[in-house]
Protein backbone atom coordinates (compact mmCIF):
# COMPACT_ATOMS: atom_id res chain seq x y z
CA MET A 1 280.85 138.40 213.66
CA PRO A 2 282.79 141.61 213.17
CA ASP A 3 286.35 141.94 212.72
CA ILE A 4 288.13 143.86 215.59
CA LEU A 5 291.39 145.78 215.46
CA ALA A 6 292.82 147.50 218.68
CA GLU A 7 295.92 149.38 218.56
CA VAL A 8 297.61 150.96 221.33
CA ARG A 9 300.86 152.72 222.00
CA GLY A 10 303.48 150.75 223.79
CA THR A 11 303.13 147.65 225.82
CA TRP A 12 301.30 148.78 228.78
CA LEU A 13 298.93 145.99 228.76
CA ASP A 14 301.55 143.92 230.23
CA GLY A 15 299.77 140.54 230.27
CA SER A 16 296.57 141.50 229.94
CA GLN A 17 296.37 141.60 226.31
CA THR A 18 293.32 138.80 226.27
CA GLU A 19 291.47 140.55 228.48
CA PHE A 20 292.02 143.70 226.85
CA LEU A 21 290.38 142.13 223.56
CA GLY A 22 287.63 140.12 225.42
CA ALA A 23 286.40 143.17 226.85
CA VAL A 24 286.32 145.10 223.33
CA HIS A 25 284.53 141.51 221.85
CA ARG A 26 281.88 141.74 224.75
CA ALA A 27 280.78 145.25 224.13
CA VAL A 28 280.44 144.62 220.18
CA VAL A 29 278.34 141.61 221.47
CA HIS A 30 276.28 143.74 223.76
CA ALA A 31 275.43 146.58 221.53
CA LEU A 32 275.25 144.82 218.41
CA LYS A 33 273.51 141.59 219.26
CA THR A 34 276.09 139.23 217.93
CA PRO A 35 277.18 135.66 218.62
CA ASP A 36 279.31 135.29 222.07
CA ASP A 37 281.02 132.19 220.59
CA GLU A 38 282.68 133.71 217.54
CA PRO A 39 285.18 136.33 218.30
CA LEU A 40 287.63 137.67 215.85
CA ALA A 41 289.72 140.45 217.47
CA ARG A 42 293.50 141.42 216.88
CA LEU A 43 295.62 143.65 219.07
CA ILE A 44 298.60 145.84 217.59
CA GLU A 45 300.98 147.07 220.31
CA HIS A 46 303.07 149.64 218.32
CA ARG A 47 306.71 150.95 219.80
CA THR A 48 306.32 154.65 220.72
CA SER A 49 308.60 155.55 218.24
CA SER A 50 306.31 154.32 215.43
CA TYR A 51 303.04 155.54 216.53
CA LEU A 52 301.95 159.14 216.44
CA ILE A 53 299.02 160.15 218.40
CA PRO A 54 297.04 163.45 218.73
CA HIS A 55 298.92 165.89 220.93
CA VAL A 56 295.59 166.14 223.61
CA ALA A 57 295.92 162.07 223.68
CA GLY A 58 297.17 160.23 226.62
CA GLU A 59 299.86 157.55 226.78
CA ARG A 60 297.30 155.18 226.49
CA PHE A 61 295.39 156.50 223.16
CA THR A 62 293.74 153.46 221.89
CA ARG A 63 292.29 153.18 218.45
CA ILE A 64 289.69 150.63 217.63
CA GLU A 65 288.80 149.63 214.27
CA ILE A 66 285.60 147.21 213.54
CA VAL A 67 285.06 145.96 210.13
CA LEU A 68 281.31 144.90 209.93
CA PHE A 69 278.02 144.00 207.82
CA ARG A 70 276.37 146.95 206.90
CA GLY A 71 272.78 147.56 208.23
CA ARG A 72 273.04 148.72 212.11
CA SER A 73 270.98 151.42 213.36
CA LEU A 74 273.03 155.06 214.43
CA GLU A 75 271.34 153.83 218.08
CA ALA A 76 272.94 150.31 217.96
CA LYS A 77 276.52 152.02 216.83
CA ARG A 78 275.86 155.03 219.68
CA GLN A 79 275.51 152.00 222.42
CA LEU A 80 278.72 150.51 221.13
CA TYR A 81 280.87 153.46 221.18
CA ARG A 82 279.91 153.68 224.91
CA ALA A 83 280.18 150.10 225.63
CA ILE A 84 283.58 150.00 224.49
CA VAL A 85 284.58 152.92 226.27
CA GLU A 86 283.16 151.64 229.45
CA ASN A 87 284.90 148.14 229.05
CA LEU A 88 288.17 149.72 228.74
CA ARG A 89 288.08 151.57 231.91
CA PRO A 90 289.08 149.16 233.82
CA PHE A 91 292.81 148.95 231.51
CA GLY A 92 293.17 152.72 232.91
CA ILE A 93 292.22 153.93 229.41
CA PRO A 94 290.54 157.42 229.80
CA ALA A 95 287.34 157.44 227.73
CA GLU A 96 288.67 160.79 225.81
CA ASP A 97 291.51 158.57 224.48
CA VAL A 98 289.31 155.82 222.71
CA LYS A 99 288.64 156.31 219.27
CA ILE A 100 286.49 153.79 217.27
CA VAL A 101 286.48 154.03 213.55
CA LEU A 102 283.57 151.63 212.02
CA ILE A 103 283.79 150.26 208.49
CA GLU A 104 281.03 149.01 207.17
CA VAL A 105 280.86 146.70 204.12
CA THR A 106 277.74 144.66 202.41
CA ALA A 107 277.33 140.97 203.10
CA ASP A 108 278.54 140.41 199.20
CA ASP A 109 282.27 141.84 200.39
CA VAL A 110 282.97 139.05 202.89
CA GLY A 111 283.80 135.51 201.66
CA PHE A 112 284.28 132.82 204.38
CA ARG A 113 282.78 129.20 205.37
CA GLY A 114 284.18 127.50 202.57
CA GLY A 115 284.75 130.16 199.99
CA LYS A 116 281.09 131.38 199.88
CA ALA A 117 279.93 134.97 200.21
CA ALA A 118 278.43 136.29 203.23
CA SER A 119 275.34 136.69 201.54
CA ASP A 120 275.07 133.31 200.25
CA GLY A 121 273.70 132.19 203.58
CA ASP A 122 272.56 132.40 207.17
CA LEU A 123 274.66 134.58 209.41
CA GLY A 124 273.34 133.09 212.27
CA TYR A 125 272.32 136.92 213.58
CA SER A 126 270.73 139.94 212.60
CA LEU A 127 271.92 143.29 211.24
CA LYS A 128 269.06 145.19 212.23
CA VAL A 129 269.64 146.31 215.50
């Protein structure tokens, strides 16, 4: 499952943090066809004095960083970008204030499930989307 890190400036989510992370996770599942039951998502709410944002960005500027295995098509990535923006709309985040950064790694670069390289076994989903 891709590893999601979301960062916002301030504490405007006010009790909706879990729903916010769920919205990003659902976009990943939808666009990349990953398992729904393996979420891995974190949220950092920075103090406004500790997070400089672009001058054209609004107060709800949101940066989403996703570490994922290499192999998805450009169209799947475009679908992911659109799905995240759409899923964050109910939180009052303007589409223009969402920045998404994908960091692609090989399955050799991830160790999990008892210290095995991800390339040593079946991931349970396809990277060819």
